């Protein structure tokens, strides 16, 4: 099965191509810039074709991931050349117009499945991510796509293109518009953001991070969402009218009406207790990782960069609210705290097993005759960077002092220094190493 990602050399299209190629699927990407296309092809191990028509004509699935403005013409270009029995999808933030055009221009026997992934290209997996499907009618490909998304633990929403666009006028249209307005207001007031954070509650910092995430998006994409969704004009007008009403209530010191408006809005949000619980969890996450790291000062920790996926391992030497420093082999690495996640003990061990060379050793020591060799081996196995410790021999004979027993343990390590720790542990038990 060949999948063509139209616009697969940048942004979400590149993410889709990367994700699907890692699943072992045969991917071809298109893009206008040949240099970029060849670079992506080499890096991802996928095929690059500059011609959209050629790529679409040989594909079993075509996924259109181009700017919203270019989507209608791209559908008109490739829809008629697709082979019978294939599938055409788009991943734009607007669904009504693309759905209608795909229905009109797709070749005979081509299934149409408009789609909207509710995430950007910064995520690592589909686990827990929302994907909206807006099929006009369902067929065999719909079932296959649905099952694939389910297997990746995605949250799937099936609705109509019209309902999707109306919801997006709030989920994207209103929120983006309001957040960008807040950011511009702060800018025009010439407020130092870093200084404001010193005075802020956790919820203010969380809001700033959310605003920063929105304003860091492609501004051309955000503009297209604001202008191409037919329901956003009504949303904007309602928002501005409501803003003016509330502003007037403040200006005239009409406390009663302001309180009434705010209370009414809160009731409409519904289930405030759950909302408070979720926001409390979000706030606690901001401090939980710092608390965990504070306990690890002077110890070895493993950190995964949330964007590159690279794992850094070393002794945690320094920790500030924004940065941390790891030291390994006398080399220091400074990392931004917001860009890394802490590996738990199991994740750290698994990474070492996957990336370090494992070496096995045998060690023998004498112990009192009443000792339990299996408990000794299990204690060795609990040491950091030690794996697979087990008893392979016990011996009592002429070379062993009366009342003692020799225990031989075979263990594997993923760090040379771990052997020293094993010897120290056994000597701590009162053993004489043989």
Protein backbone atom coordinates (compact mmCIF):
# COMPACT_ATOMS: atom_id res chain seq x y z
CA UNK A 1 0.00 0.00 0.00
CA UNK A 2 1.43 3.35 -1.07
CA UNK A 3 0.47 6.56 0.73
CA UNK A 4 1.07 9.96 -0.86
CA UNK A 5 1.30 12.92 1.49
CA UNK A 6 0.71 16.03 -0.61
CA UNK A 7 2.67 18.76 1.15
CA UNK A 8 4.63 16.20 3.15
CA UNK A 9 7.91 18.11 3.32
CA UNK A 10 6.85 20.63 5.96
CA UNK A 11 4.71 21.08 9.08
CA UNK A 12 1.94 18.61 9.83
CA UNK A 13 2.40 16.88 6.48
CA UNK A 14 6.01 16.07 7.32
CA UNK A 15 4.91 14.81 10.74
CA UNK A 16 2.33 12.51 9.11
CA UNK A 17 4.91 11.19 6.64
CA UNK A 18 7.40 10.59 9.47
CA UNK A 19 4.84 8.85 11.67
CA UNK A 20 3.52 6.57 8.94
CA UNK A 21 6.97 5.68 7.59
CA UNK A 22 7.99 4.58 11.09
CA UNK A 23 5.02 2.21 10.97
CA UNK A 24 6.65 0.54 7.98
CA UNK A 25 4.28 1.99 5.36
CA UNK A 26 5.38 2.93 1.83
CA UNK A 27 5.33 6.75 1.77
CA UNK A 28 5.79 9.27 -1.02
CA UNK A 29 5.86 12.99 -0.23
CA UNK A 30 5.40 16.00 -2.47
CA UNK A 31 6.50 19.60 -2.05
CA UNK A 32 7.26 22.57 -4.28
CA UNK A 33 10.88 23.00 -3.15
CA UNK A 34 12.96 20.23 -4.68
CA UNK A 35 15.97 20.79 -2.38
CA UNK A 36 13.76 20.51 0.72
CA UNK A 37 11.97 17.51 -0.75
CA UNK A 38 15.17 15.59 -1.46
CA UNK A 39 16.44 16.41 2.03
CA UNK A 40 13.26 15.11 3.67
CA UNK A 41 13.34 12.04 1.43
CA UNK A 42 16.87 11.19 2.51
CA UNK A 43 16.27 11.90 6.20
CA UNK A 44 13.01 9.94 6.48
CA UNK A 45 13.80 7.21 3.99
CA UNK A 46 10.70 8.01 1.90
CA UNK A 47 10.20 8.74 -1.79
CA UNK A 48 9.97 12.35 -3.00
CA UNK A 49 8.03 13.37 -6.11
CA UNK A 50 7.65 17.04 -6.98
CA UNK A 51 4.61 16.44 -9.20
CA UNK A 52 1.35 16.17 -7.18
CA UNK A 53 -0.51 14.53 -10.06
CA UNK A 54 2.09 11.81 -10.52
CA UNK A 55 2.19 11.04 -6.79
CA UNK A 56 -1.60 10.94 -6.48
CA UNK A 57 -2.04 8.69 -9.54
CA UNK A 58 0.11 5.89 -8.04
CA UNK A 59 -1.15 6.07 -4.45
CA UNK A 60 -3.71 3.95 -2.63
CA UNK A 61 -4.23 6.74 -0.08
CA UNK A 62 -3.73 10.45 -0.73
CA UNK A 63 -3.47 12.77 2.27
CA UNK A 64 -3.64 16.48 1.43
CA UNK A 65 -1.70 18.61 3.89
CA UNK A 66 -1.27 21.99 2.22
CA UNK A 67 -2.27 25.51 3.38
CA UNK A 68 -6.03 26.04 3.66
CA UNK A 69 -5.99 28.54 0.80
CA UNK A 70 -4.35 26.00 -1.49
CA UNK A 71 -6.49 23.03 -0.51
CA UNK A 72 -9.43 23.56 -2.93
CA UNK A 73 -7.18 23.87 -6.00
CA UNK A 74 -5.03 20.92 -4.87
CA UNK A 75 -8.15 18.73 -4.60
CA UNK A 76 -9.27 19.82 -8.07
CA UNK A 77 -5.80 19.03 -9.40
CA UNK A 78 -5.37 15.51 -8.05
CA UNK A 79 -8.91 14.22 -7.47
CA UNK A 80 -9.61 13.29 -11.09
CA UNK A 81 -6.35 11.32 -11.58
CA UNK A 82 -6.70 9.05 -8.55
CA UNK A 83 -7.15 5.36 -9.22
CA UNK A 84 -10.40 3.53 -8.54
CA UNK A 85 -10.61 2.01 -5.06
CA UNK A 86 -8.25 4.54 -3.50
CA UNK A 87 -8.88 7.01 -0.66
CA UNK A 88 -8.54 10.80 -0.57
CA UNK A 89 -8.22 12.66 2.76
CA UNK A 90 -7.44 16.23 3.80
CA UNK A 91 -6.23 17.44 7.19
CA UNK A 92 -7.22 21.11 7.07
CA UNK A 93 -8.86 23.01 9.94
CA UNK A 94 -11.93 23.80 7.80
CA UNK A 95 -14.10 20.95 6.58
CA UNK A 96 -17.21 22.19 4.79
CA UNK A 97 -15.64 23.51 1.57
CA UNK A 98 -12.96 20.79 1.15
CA UNK A 99 -15.58 18.07 1.73
CA UNK A 100 -17.82 19.46 -1.01
CA UNK A 101 -14.95 19.84 -3.48
CA UNK A 102 -13.63 16.31 -2.82
CA UNK A 103 -17.09 14.89 -3.45
CA UNK A 104 -17.26 16.77 -6.74
CA UNK A 105 -13.74 16.18 -8.11
CA UNK A 106 -12.71 12.74 -6.81
CA UNK A 107 -12.55 10.16 -9.61
CA UNK A 108 -15.13 7.39 -9.81
CA UNK A 109 -14.69 4.76 -7.12
CA UNK A 110 -12.52 6.98 -4.90
CA UNK A 111 -13.58 7.13 -1.26
CA UNK A 112 -13.62 10.54 0.45
CA UNK A 113 -12.73 11.00 4.12
CA UNK A 114 -12.25 14.59 5.36
CA UNK A 115 -10.17 14.65 8.52
CA UNK A 116 -8.91 17.17 11.10
CA UNK A 117 -6.11 16.17 13.51
CA UNK A 118 -6.51 18.44 16.54
CA UNK A 119 -2.78 18.76 17.15
CA UNK A 120 0.35 20.23 15.63
CA UNK A 121 3.62 18.66 14.48
CA UNK A 122 5.27 18.87 17.93
CA UNK A 123 3.65 15.73 19.37
CA UNK A 124 5.40 12.34 19.40
CA UNK A 125 2.49 9.87 19.19
CA UNK A 126 -1.26 9.72 18.55
CA UNK A 127 -1.86 8.42 22.06
CA UNK A 128 -4.73 10.47 23.53
CA UNK A 129 -4.80 12.93 20.62
CA UNK A 130 -8.14 14.03 19.15
CA UNK A 131 -8.82 13.36 15.46
CA UNK A 132 -12.09 14.48 13.88
CA UNK A 133 -13.51 12.52 10.95
CA UNK A 134 -16.31 14.05 8.85
CA UNK A 135 -17.33 11.41 6.30
CA UNK A 136 -20.20 12.19 3.94
CA UNK A 137 -20.65 8.43 3.60
CA UNK A 138 -18.55 5.58 4.93
CA UNK A 139 -16.88 2.74 3.05
CA UNK A 140 -14.14 0.14 3.43
CA UNK A 141 -11.37 2.71 3.83
CA UNK A 142 -13.28 4.45 6.62
CA UNK A 143 -13.29 1.24 8.66
CA UNK A 144 -9.56 0.69 8.07
CA UNK A 145 -8.65 4.25 9.05
CA UNK A 146 -10.88 4.09 12.12
CA UNK A 147 -9.31 0.81 13.26
CA UNK A 148 -5.80 2.15 12.69
CA UNK A 149 -6.48 5.27 14.77
CA UNK A 150 -8.06 3.14 17.49
CA UNK A 151 -4.98 0.91 17.57
CA UNK A 152 -2.87 4.04 18.15
CA UNK A 153 -5.13 5.01 21.07
CA UNK A 154 -6.32 8.22 19.39
CA UNK A 155 -9.56 9.85 20.51
CA UNK A 156 -11.82 9.76 17.44
CA UNK A 157 -14.76 12.11 16.92
CA UNK A 158 -17.12 11.45 13.99
CA UNK A 159 -19.36 14.34 12.95
CA UNK A 160 -20.51 16.35 9.92
CA UNK A 161 -18.40 19.02 8.17
CA UNK A 162 -20.95 21.68 9.16
CA UNK A 163 -20.94 20.80 12.87
CA UNK A 164 -17.14 20.60 12.79
CA UNK A 165 -16.78 24.11 11.39
CA UNK A 166 -19.26 25.58 13.85
CA UNK A 167 -17.38 23.98 16.76
CA UNK A 168 -14.02 25.13 15.35
CA UNK A 169 -15.32 28.70 15.26
CA UNK A 170 -15.12 28.48 19.07
CA UNK A 171 -12.37 25.92 19.71
CA UNK A 172 -9.95 27.63 17.32
CA UNK A 173 -11.54 30.83 16.04
CA UNK A 174 -12.56 32.43 19.33
CA UNK A 175 -9.68 31.18 21.48
CA UNK A 176 -6.96 32.10 18.99
CA UNK A 177 -8.51 35.53 18.46
CA UNK A 178 -8.79 36.18 22.21
CA UNK A 179 -5.29 34.90 23.06
CA UNK A 180 -3.64 36.90 20.28
CA UNK A 181 -5.56 39.96 21.46
CA UNK A 182 -4.23 39.46 25.01
CA UNK A 183 -0.67 39.05 23.73
CA UNK A 184 -0.91 42.24 21.63
CA UNK A 185 -2.41 44.14 24.56
CA UNK A 186 0.50 43.15 26.81
CA UNK A 187 2.90 44.17 24.05
CA UNK A 188 1.25 47.58 23.55
CA UNK A 189 1.34 48.23 27.30
CA UNK A 190 5.09 47.46 27.14
CA UNK A 191 4.88 44.94 29.99
CA UNK A 192 8.01 42.89 30.73
CA UNK A 193 6.68 39.33 30.63
CA UNK A 194 9.50 37.85 32.73
CA UNK A 195 8.97 40.51 35.36
CA UNK A 196 5.21 39.92 35.38
CA UNK A 197 5.75 36.22 36.08
CA UNK A 198 7.43 37.14 39.39
CA UNK A 199 4.14 38.65 40.58
CA UNK A 200 1.96 35.94 39.09
CA UNK A 201 -0.19 33.12 40.34
CA UNK A 202 0.35 29.66 38.75
CA UNK A 203 -2.79 30.10 36.65
CA UNK A 204 -1.38 33.31 35.10
CA UNK A 205 1.83 31.49 34.17
CA UNK A 206 -0.20 28.63 32.70
CA UNK A 207 -2.25 31.13 30.68
CA UNK A 208 0.91 32.83 29.39
CA UNK A 209 2.33 29.49 28.30
CA UNK A 210 -0.92 28.70 26.46
CA UNK A 211 -0.91 32.11 24.77
CA UNK A 212 2.74 31.66 23.80
CA UNK A 213 1.93 28.25 22.30
CA UNK A 214 -0.84 29.78 20.17
CA UNK A 215 1.14 32.83 19.02
CA UNK A 216 4.12 30.60 18.15
CA UNK A 217 2.03 28.86 15.48
CA UNK A 218 2.27 29.67 11.80
CA UNK A 219 0.53 33.09 11.57
CA UNK A 220 -0.55 32.41 7.99
CA UNK A 221 -2.33 29.25 9.13
CA UNK A 222 -4.03 31.09 11.99
CA UNK A 223 -5.14 33.85 9.61
CA UNK A 224 -6.56 31.27 7.20
CA UNK A 225 -8.53 29.62 9.99
CA UNK A 226 -9.93 33.01 11.00
CA UNK A 227 -10.98 33.90 7.45
CA UNK A 228 -12.02 30.59 5.86
CA UNK A 229 -14.44 29.30 8.48
CA UNK A 230 -17.85 30.79 7.60
CA UNK A 231 -19.01 30.74 11.24
CA UNK A 232 -16.15 32.77 12.71
CA UNK A 233 -17.51 36.15 11.61
CA UNK A 234 -20.58 35.65 13.85
CA UNK A 235 -18.31 34.45 16.69
CA UNK A 236 -16.09 37.54 16.42
CA UNK A 237 -19.06 39.89 16.45
CA UNK A 238 -20.59 38.18 19.49
CA UNK A 239 -17.26 38.31 21.30
CA UNK A 240 -16.75 42.01 20.60
CA UNK A 241 -20.33 42.87 21.61
CA UNK A 242 -19.91 40.92 24.85
CA UNK A 243 -16.57 42.62 25.54
CA UNK A 244 -18.18 46.03 25.07
CA UNK A 245 -21.09 45.11 27.36
CA UNK A 246 -18.77 44.00 30.17
CA UNK A 247 -16.51 47.00 29.67
CA UNK A 248 -19.53 49.32 30.01
CA UNK A 249 -20.64 47.53 33.19
CA UNK A 250 -17.21 48.20 34.71
CA UNK A 251 -17.15 51.80 33.49
CA UNK A 252 -20.58 52.53 35.01
CA UNK A 253 -19.73 50.54 38.18
CA UNK A 254 -22.75 48.31 37.66
CA UNK A 255 -21.71 45.61 40.09
CA UNK A 256 -25.03 43.77 40.09
CA UNK A 257 -25.14 43.25 36.32
CA UNK A 258 -21.44 42.34 36.14
CA UNK A 259 -21.80 39.72 38.87
CA UNK A 260 -24.92 38.37 37.19
CA UNK A 261 -23.14 38.09 33.82
CA UNK A 262 -20.11 36.37 35.28
CA UNK A 263 -22.22 33.93 37.32
CA UNK A 264 -24.36 33.10 34.29
CA UNK A 265 -21.24 32.41 32.20
CA UNK A 266 -19.82 30.16 34.92
CA UNK A 267 -23.03 28.12 35.10
CA UNK A 268 -23.04 27.69 31.33
CA UNK A 269 -19.51 26.24 31.43
CA UNK A 270 -20.99 23.32 33.42
CA UNK A 271 -19.24 20.94 35.82
CA UNK A 272 -17.01 23.58 37.40
CA UNK A 273 -15.72 21.05 39.93
CA UNK A 274 -14.19 18.91 37.18
CA UNK A 275 -12.79 22.00 35.47
CA UNK A 276 -11.14 23.11 38.72
CA UNK A 277 -9.75 19.61 39.21
CA UNK A 278 -8.21 19.52 35.73
CA UNK A 279 -6.67 22.97 36.13
CA UNK A 280 -5.32 21.99 39.56
CA UNK A 281 -3.64 18.98 37.96
CA UNK A 282 -2.15 21.17 35.23
CA UNK A 283 -0.75 23.56 37.84
CA UNK A 284 0.67 20.74 39.97
CA UNK A 285 2.50 19.32 36.95
CA UNK A 286 4.41 22.60 36.65
CA UNK A 287 5.96 22.08 40.09
CA UNK A 288 5.95 18.30 40.47
CA UNK A 289 8.90 17.68 38.16
CA UNK A 290 11.01 20.33 39.89
CA UNK A 291 10.25 18.71 43.25
CA UNK A 292 11.28 15.32 41.86
CA UNK A 293 14.54 16.71 40.51
CA UNK A 294 15.39 18.46 43.78
CA UNK A 295 15.44 15.05 45.46
CA UNK A 296 17.88 13.80 42.78
CA UNK A 297 20.54 16.49 43.25
CA UNK A 298 24.00 14.89 43.14
CA UNK A 299 22.57 11.67 41.68
CA UNK A 300 22.34 10.23 38.21
CA UNK A 301 19.19 11.16 36.27
CA UNK A 302 17.92 10.52 32.77
CA UNK A 303 16.16 13.26 30.79
CA UNK A 304 14.42 12.99 27.43
CA UNK A 305 14.20 16.08 25.23
CA UNK A 306 10.50 16.37 24.39
CA UNK A 307 11.11 17.58 20.82
CA UNK A 308 14.24 15.80 19.59
CA UNK A 309 13.68 12.67 21.69
CA UNK A 310 17.38 12.62 22.62
CA UNK A 311 18.13 11.17 26.05
CA UNK A 312 20.68 12.89 28.33
CA UNK A 313 22.13 10.99 31.29
CA UNK A 314 24.40 12.39 33.97
CA UNK A 315 24.81 13.62 37.52
CA UNK A 316 22.40 16.45 38.35
CA UNK A 317 24.69 19.29 39.47
CA UNK A 318 22.60 22.44 39.22
CA UNK A 319 18.88 23.20 39.20
CA UNK A 320 17.13 26.56 38.77
CA UNK A 321 13.46 27.31 37.97
CA UNK A 322 14.38 27.45 34.26
CA UNK A 323 17.54 25.37 33.68
CA UNK A 324 19.43 22.33 34.94
CA UNK A 325 22.96 21.05 34.43
CA UNK A 326 24.05 17.42 34.05
CA UNK A 327 27.66 16.28 34.31
CA UNK A 328 29.04 13.11 32.73
CA UNK A 329 32.71 12.26 32.23
CA UNK A 330 33.66 15.81 33.31
CA UNK A 331 31.45 17.27 30.55
CA UNK A 332 28.52 19.51 31.54
CA UNK A 333 25.27 19.81 29.61
CA UNK A 334 22.87 22.69 30.32
CA UNK A 335 19.22 22.01 29.45
CA UNK A 336 16.08 24.10 29.56
CA UNK A 337 13.76 22.54 32.13
CA UNK A 338 10.62 23.15 30.07
CA UNK A 339 12.09 21.14 27.16
CA UNK A 340 12.83 17.89 29.01
CA UNK A 341 10.97 15.17 30.87
CA UNK A 342 12.40 13.01 33.63
CA UNK A 343 12.72 9.29 32.94
CA UNK A 344 11.53 7.04 35.73
CA UNK A 345 13.75 4.19 36.95
CA UNK A 346 12.23 1.63 34.57
CA UNK A 347 12.54 3.93 31.54
CA UNK A 348 16.14 4.80 32.41
CA UNK A 349 17.09 1.15 32.82
CA UNK A 350 15.42 0.18 29.54
CA UNK A 351 17.22 2.98 27.69
CA UNK A 352 20.55 1.77 29.06
CA UNK A 353 19.76 -1.82 28.09
CA UNK A 354 18.93 -0.67 24.56
CA UNK A 355 21.96 1.59 24.15
CA UNK A 356 24.78 0.31 26.39
CA UNK A 357 26.86 -2.84 26.01
CA UNK A 358 25.97 -5.40 28.65
CA UNK A 359 28.86 -7.32 30.25
CA UNK A 360 28.62 -10.35 32.53
CA UNK A 361 30.84 -11.26 35.46
CA UNK A 362 31.06 -13.98 38.13
CA UNK A 363 31.93 -13.08 41.70
CA UNK A 364 32.40 -15.42 44.67
CA UNK A 365 32.40 -14.61 48.36
CA UNK A 366 32.23 -16.47 51.63
CA UNK A 367 29.24 -16.02 53.90
CA UNK A 368 27.94 -17.54 57.14
CA UNK A 369 26.46 -20.98 56.50
CA UNK A 370 22.93 -19.86 57.44
CA UNK A 371 22.78 -17.12 54.79
CA UNK A 372 20.20 -17.09 51.99
CA UNK A 373 22.12 -16.89 48.67
CA UNK A 374 19.00 -15.87 46.70
CA UNK A 375 18.45 -12.83 48.94
CA UNK A 376 22.09 -11.82 48.38
CA UNK A 377 21.65 -12.13 44.59
CA UNK A 378 18.42 -10.12 44.69
CA UNK A 379 20.18 -7.39 46.65
CA UNK A 380 22.95 -7.27 44.05
CA UNK A 381 20.31 -7.09 41.33
CA UNK A 382 18.79 -4.02 43.01
CA UNK A 383 21.99 -1.99 42.55
CA UNK A 384 21.95 0.71 39.90
CA UNK A 385 23.16 -0.50 36.47
CA UNK A 386 23.13 -4.16 37.55
CA UNK A 387 20.85 -6.61 35.75
CA UNK A 388 20.22 -10.36 35.79
CA UNK A 389 22.04 -11.23 39.04
CA UNK A 390 21.57 -14.87 40.03
CA UNK A 391 23.24 -17.60 42.10
CA UNK A 392 25.13 -20.12 39.93
CA UNK A 393 26.98 -22.09 42.64
CA UNK A 394 27.30 -22.70 46.38
CA UNK A 395 30.26 -24.60 47.81
CA UNK A 396 31.48 -25.98 51.14
CA UNK A 397 34.86 -27.67 51.22
CA UNK A 398 38.43 -27.73 52.42
CA UNK A 399 39.16 -24.22 51.13
CA UNK A 400 36.19 -22.72 52.96
CA UNK A 401 36.40 -21.97 56.68
CA UNK A 402 34.16 -24.09 58.88
CA UNK A 403 30.71 -22.59 59.35
CA UNK A 404 30.92 -20.65 56.07
CA UNK A 405 29.72 -21.21 52.54
CA UNK A 406 31.04 -19.88 49.25
CA UNK A 407 28.39 -18.26 47.04
CA UNK A 408 29.07 -17.50 43.38
CA UNK A 409 26.84 -14.93 41.69
CA UNK A 410 26.70 -14.19 37.98
CA UNK A 411 25.59 -10.67 37.19
CA UNK A 412 25.44 -8.37 34.18
CA UNK A 413 26.20 -4.65 34.23
CA UNK A 414 25.66 -1.73 31.84
CA UNK A 415 28.21 0.51 33.57
CA UNK A 416 31.77 -0.53 34.45
CA UNK A 417 31.60 1.28 37.79
CA UNK A 418 28.78 -1.03 38.87
CA UNK A 419 31.30 -3.82 39.55
CA UNK A 420 32.85 -1.71 42.30
CA UNK A 421 29.41 -1.25 43.86
CA UNK A 422 28.82 -5.02 43.77
CA UNK A 423 32.10 -5.74 45.60
CA UNK A 424 31.37 -3.06 48.21
CA UNK A 425 27.92 -4.50 48.79
CA UNK A 426 29.19 -8.03 49.36
CA UNK A 427 31.96 -6.83 51.67
CA UNK A 428 29.30 -4.86 53.52
CA UNK A 429 27.60 -8.21 54.16
CA UNK A 430 30.84 -9.33 55.81
CA UNK A 431 31.90 -11.41 52.82
CA UNK A 432 35.47 -12.16 51.86
CA UNK A 433 35.76 -11.93 48.07
CA UNK A 434 37.44 -15.00 46.60
